[in-house]
Protein backbone atom coordinates (compact mmCIF):
# COMPACT_ATOMS: atom_id res chain seq x y z
CA MET A 1 89.06 188.17 25.54
CA GLU A 2 90.69 191.37 24.34
CA VAL A 3 94.40 191.96 25.01
CA ASN A 4 95.90 195.46 24.81
CA GLU A 5 98.89 197.50 25.92
CA LEU A 6 98.25 200.98 27.33
CA THR A 7 100.54 203.78 28.43
CA LEU A 8 99.51 205.63 31.58
CA LYS A 9 101.09 208.52 33.45
CA ASN A 10 101.58 208.44 37.22
CA PHE A 11 101.18 211.32 39.70
CA ASN A 12 104.83 212.25 39.19
CA GLY A 13 104.41 212.61 35.43
CA ARG A 14 106.20 209.34 34.64
CA GLU A 15 104.84 207.21 31.81
CA PHE A 16 104.52 203.44 32.31
CA LYS A 17 102.87 200.55 30.49
CA ILE A 18 100.08 198.22 31.51
CA HIS A 19 99.01 195.06 29.70
CA THR A 20 95.25 194.50 29.86
CA TYR A 21 93.28 191.25 29.59
CA THR A 22 89.60 192.10 29.28
CA LEU A 23 86.85 189.49 29.15
CA LYS A 24 84.14 189.95 26.57
CA GLN A 25 80.81 191.00 28.02
CA ILE A 26 78.22 188.23 28.30
CA ALA A 27 74.57 189.22 28.54
CA ASP A 28 72.33 188.17 31.45
CA LEU A 29 75.08 187.19 33.89
CA VAL A 30 73.98 187.09 37.52
CA GLU A 31 77.04 189.22 38.33
CA PRO A 32 77.42 191.42 35.24
CA LYS A 33 80.45 193.37 36.49
CA HIS A 34 83.88 191.75 36.79
CA PRO A 35 86.33 192.23 39.64
CA LEU A 36 89.75 193.51 38.55
CA ALA A 37 93.14 191.97 39.33
CA ILE A 38 96.17 194.27 39.03
CA VAL A 39 99.20 191.96 38.83
CA VAL A 40 102.57 193.40 39.90
CA PRO A 41 105.35 190.87 39.16
CA GLY A 42 108.65 190.48 40.96
CA GLY A 43 112.09 190.53 39.39
CA SER A 44 114.62 192.00 41.84
CA PHE A 45 113.73 195.55 40.71
CA ASP A 46 115.73 195.12 37.48
CA HIS A 47 113.34 193.02 35.34
CA PHE A 48 109.80 191.64 35.36
CA SER A 49 109.30 187.95 36.05
CA GLN A 50 107.32 186.55 33.13
CA ARG A 51 106.15 183.66 35.31
CA GLU A 52 104.49 186.16 37.63
CA SER A 53 102.94 188.22 34.83
CA GLU A 54 100.65 187.00 32.06
CA PRO A 55 100.14 183.45 33.45
CA VAL A 56 98.86 184.94 36.71
CA ALA A 57 96.66 187.43 34.86
CA LEU A 58 95.15 184.60 32.79
CA ALA A 59 94.56 182.54 35.94
CA PHE A 60 92.48 185.39 37.32
CA ASN A 61 90.67 185.70 33.98
CA SER A 62 89.70 182.04 34.31
CA ARG A 63 87.91 182.94 37.54
CA GLY A 64 85.88 185.79 36.06
CA PHE A 65 88.28 188.69 36.65
CA ASN A 66 89.44 191.27 34.19
CA SER A 67 93.16 191.62 34.75
CA VAL A 68 96.15 193.84 34.06
CA VAL A 69 99.91 193.36 34.39
CA MET A 70 101.72 196.52 35.41
CA ASP A 71 105.25 197.52 34.34
CA TYR A 72 106.51 199.63 37.24
CA ASN A 73 109.68 201.70 37.53
CA LEU A 74 112.91 199.61 37.58
CA VAL A 75 116.38 200.58 38.82
CA GLN A 76 117.68 201.21 35.30
CA ASP A 77 114.73 203.38 34.27
CA GLU A 78 114.56 207.16 34.36
CA GLY A 79 113.35 208.43 37.69
CA ASP A 80 113.41 206.50 40.95
CA ILE A 81 111.75 203.31 42.13
CA TYR A 82 110.69 205.34 45.16
CA PRO A 83 108.20 206.89 44.94
CA ASP A 84 107.48 206.26 41.25
CA ALA A 85 106.80 202.52 41.34
CA GLY A 86 104.26 203.00 44.14
CA LEU A 87 102.70 205.90 42.26
CA ASP A 88 102.38 203.62 39.22
CA VAL A 89 100.14 201.30 41.27
CA LEU A 90 98.02 204.17 42.57
CA ALA A 91 97.63 205.65 39.08
CA THR A 92 96.54 202.24 37.74
CA VAL A 93 93.88 201.87 40.43
CA LYS A 94 92.64 205.40 39.74
CA TYR A 95 92.50 204.78 35.98
CA TYR A 96 90.31 201.72 36.38
CA ARG A 97 88.04 203.35 38.94
CA GLU A 98 87.45 206.18 36.49
CA HIS A 99 86.96 203.79 33.54
CA ALA A 100 85.02 201.07 35.33
CA GLU A 101 82.13 201.24 32.88
CA ASP A 102 84.45 201.04 29.88
CA TYR A 103 85.99 197.82 31.17
CA ASN A 104 82.81 196.40 32.70
CA ILE A 105 84.39 196.12 36.14
CA ASP A 106 83.10 196.68 39.65
CA PRO A 107 85.07 199.67 41.02
CA LYS A 108 84.60 198.29 44.55
CA LYS A 109 86.32 195.01 43.66
CA ILE A 110 89.84 196.05 42.65
CA VAL A 111 92.59 193.73 43.91
CA THR A 112 96.34 194.32 43.76
CA ILE A 113 98.57 191.21 43.60
CA GLY A 114 102.28 191.64 44.24
CA PHE A 115 105.03 189.00 44.09
CA SER A 116 108.43 189.38 45.76
CA ALA A 117 109.72 192.86 44.77
CA GLY A 118 106.23 193.50 43.38
CA GLY A 119 104.87 192.74 46.84
CA HIS A 120 107.02 195.53 48.18
CA ILE A 121 105.70 197.91 45.52
CA VAL A 122 102.08 196.95 46.24
CA SER A 123 102.49 197.29 50.01
CA ILE A 124 104.23 200.68 49.83
CA ALA A 125 101.50 201.85 47.45
CA ASN A 126 98.91 201.00 50.11
CA TYR A 127 100.92 203.02 52.61
CA MET A 128 101.28 206.00 50.25
CA ALA A 129 97.57 205.95 49.40
CA ASN A 130 96.74 206.63 53.05
CA ALA A 131 99.66 208.91 53.97
CA ASP A 132 98.75 212.60 54.25
CA LYS A 133 102.16 213.76 53.03
CA TYR A 134 101.84 211.86 49.75
CA LYS A 135 98.20 212.80 49.27
CA LYS A 136 99.15 216.46 49.65
CA LEU A 137 102.33 216.22 47.55
CA TYR A 138 100.70 214.41 44.62
CA ASN A 139 97.15 215.70 44.98
CA PHE A 140 95.19 212.45 45.13
CA LYS A 141 92.49 211.09 47.43
CA SER A 142 92.61 207.71 49.14
CA LYS A 143 89.18 206.72 47.87
CA ASP A 144 90.40 207.10 44.27
CA VAL A 145 93.71 205.21 44.50
CA LEU A 146 93.43 202.60 47.27
CA PRO A 147 92.64 199.04 46.11
CA ASN A 148 89.84 197.17 47.86
CA LYS A 149 91.93 194.06 48.65
CA THR A 150 95.56 193.02 48.36
CA ILE A 151 97.31 189.69 47.80
CA LEU A 152 101.02 189.41 48.64
CA GLY A 153 103.10 186.46 47.41
CA TYR A 154 106.46 185.90 49.16
CA PRO A 155 106.59 189.70 49.48
CA LEU A 156 109.63 191.81 50.21
CA ILE A 157 108.43 193.96 53.10
CA ASN A 158 111.58 195.04 54.90
CA ILE A 159 114.58 195.87 52.70
CA ASP A 160 116.86 195.01 55.62
CA LYS A 161 115.45 191.45 55.87
CA ILE A 162 116.57 189.85 52.62
CA GLY A 163 118.91 186.92 52.19
CA ILE A 164 121.11 188.65 49.60
CA ASP A 165 123.22 191.80 49.65
CA ILE A 166 122.01 194.97 47.91
CA PRO A 167 124.65 196.03 45.31
CA GLU A 168 126.57 199.14 46.29
CA ASP A 169 125.41 201.06 43.22
CA GLU A 170 121.80 200.51 44.30
CA GLN A 171 122.30 201.50 47.96
CA ALA A 172 121.77 205.17 47.11
CA LYS A 173 118.35 204.30 45.68
CA VAL A 174 117.08 202.91 48.99
CA PRO A 175 114.52 205.43 50.34
CA GLU A 176 114.93 207.53 53.44
CA ASP A 177 111.24 207.22 54.40
CA LYS A 178 111.29 204.37 56.94
CA ALA A 179 107.84 203.17 55.85
CA LEU A 180 109.13 202.80 52.29
CA ARG A 181 112.10 200.77 53.51
CA ASP A 182 109.81 198.66 55.70
CA SER A 183 106.21 198.75 54.49
CA ALA A 184 104.97 197.09 57.69
CA LEU A 185 105.55 200.48 59.32
CA GLY A 186 103.05 201.98 56.88
CA VAL A 187 100.15 199.73 57.84
CA THR A 188 97.13 201.56 59.27
CA ARG A 189 93.53 200.68 60.03
CA GLU A 190 92.73 201.81 56.47
CA THR A 191 95.10 199.30 54.83
CA PRO A 192 93.10 196.93 52.59
CA ALA A 193 92.30 193.44 53.84
CA THR A 194 95.26 191.31 52.80
CA PHE A 195 96.01 187.71 51.82
CA VAL A 196 99.65 186.64 52.34
CA PHE A 197 101.45 183.48 51.20
CA GLN A 198 105.10 182.44 51.36
CA ALA A 199 107.35 179.40 51.82
CA TRP A 200 109.03 178.90 55.18
CA ASP A 201 112.30 177.91 53.47
CA ASP A 202 112.56 181.04 51.29
CA PRO A 203 116.29 181.89 51.19
CA MET A 204 115.95 185.22 49.35
CA VAL A 205 113.05 187.09 50.94
CA LEU A 206 113.16 185.79 54.49
CA VAL A 207 109.84 184.58 55.89
CA SER A 208 110.24 187.17 58.66
CA ASN A 209 109.03 189.68 56.05
CA SER A 210 105.58 188.11 55.90
CA ILE A 211 105.49 187.58 59.64
CA GLU A 212 106.31 191.23 60.30
CA TYR A 213 103.61 192.40 57.91
CA ILE A 214 101.02 190.00 59.33
CA GLN A 215 101.81 191.27 62.82
CA ALA A 216 101.34 194.87 61.65
CA LEU A 217 97.97 193.97 60.11
CA TYR A 218 96.94 192.28 63.36
CA ASP A 219 98.07 195.25 65.47
CA HIS A 220 95.92 197.59 63.35
CA GLN A 221 92.90 195.26 63.19
CA VAL A 222 93.16 194.80 59.42
CA PRO A 223 91.53 191.56 58.20
CA CYS A 224 94.13 189.08 56.99
CA GLU A 225 94.50 185.47 55.87
CA ALA A 226 98.00 184.00 55.72
CA HIS A 227 99.48 180.72 54.50
CA LEU A 228 103.12 179.85 55.24
CA PHE A 229 103.96 176.70 53.31
CA ASN A 230 106.65 174.42 54.70
CA LYS A 231 108.54 174.23 51.39
CA GLY A 232 108.56 176.26 48.19
CA VAL A 233 111.80 178.27 48.23
CA HIS A 234 111.21 181.56 46.34
CA GLY A 235 109.48 182.63 43.15
CA PHE A 236 107.18 179.64 42.72
CA SER A 237 104.45 181.75 41.09
CA LEU A 238 101.43 179.48 40.43
CA ALA A 239 103.61 176.45 41.36
CA ARG A 240 102.26 174.45 38.41
CA PRO A 241 104.31 171.93 36.37
CA ASP A 242 103.89 174.04 33.22
CA MET A 243 105.55 176.97 35.00
CA VAL A 244 108.85 175.26 35.90
CA VAL A 245 112.10 176.86 34.72
CA LYS A 246 114.98 174.60 33.68
CA ASP A 247 117.04 173.35 36.66
CA ARG A 248 114.42 174.58 39.15
CA PRO A 249 112.25 171.49 39.73
CA TRP A 250 111.10 172.81 43.10
CA GLN A 251 108.85 175.27 41.25
CA ASP A 252 106.43 172.37 40.63
CA ASN A 253 104.79 172.34 44.06
CA PRO A 254 101.19 171.04 44.19
CA HIS A 255 100.92 171.93 47.88
CA ALA A 256 102.02 175.55 47.52
CA ALA A 257 99.87 175.81 44.38
CA HIS A 258 96.84 175.75 46.68
CA TRP A 259 97.46 179.44 47.39
CA PHE A 260 95.51 180.45 44.31
CA ASN A 261 92.27 178.61 45.16
CA LEU A 262 92.65 179.68 48.79
CA ALA A 263 92.95 183.30 47.66
CA MET A 264 89.83 182.92 45.52
CA GLU A 265 87.91 181.49 48.47
CA TRP A 266 89.16 184.32 50.67
CA LEU A 267 88.05 186.94 48.17
CA ASP A 268 84.63 185.31 47.86
CA SER A 269 84.20 185.51 51.64
CA GLU A 270 85.46 189.10 51.73
CA TRP A 271 83.06 190.27 48.99
CA LYS A 272 80.03 188.94 50.87
């Protein structure tokens, strides 16, 4: 496997970094092209969760994916989270579609995976990819920037449905576009088929976020699979024992860890 760091530029001219994990090409494979996983970690918009970054990318590599971890716009960075972080996702999808041969990937099998705050970024990117006002403003086409599938892990969907207060100095950075505040409002029939997982007892991103998004997918006839685990709290990532942070034993959760294999099975059924 080859590991690299690249700098891309989004549709607003902002530079951002991606970390790529590319499998070496093996001759005579039945499926010679790899799907691509674009991993968008959480981190409360002020940092990137390492537990939701490289370990997740490597897990996808182990299942035959090429993968990339994306560093999107944070609150302390130049520019704004909205729309720049969403534009970062769209620019990443476009880059890989255009360079599919270089990375030996199937351009029709690009998956975005967003955790927590990253789930918000991924879901607003799907909205922006299909919204005429953003297509006109930033001069892109949906077919170039929209992922084929999306996976959302304990995703922030509605900024007004979180279990913590937004600091006053960040209130001004909350977008006016209602579908950026609540990405369920941005779901359309063209939204990619989506896999959602979350814990029922999540105290930070309330489970009503996932429920609202699932309902929006249902209302617009978008294929969806969802798993709401009874326990798991928030930020359990792959929920493996090697991924447990000190004083957070609940992050070792064999039951919630099933989400990964379930997502793989879902993708297999969706590709057929």
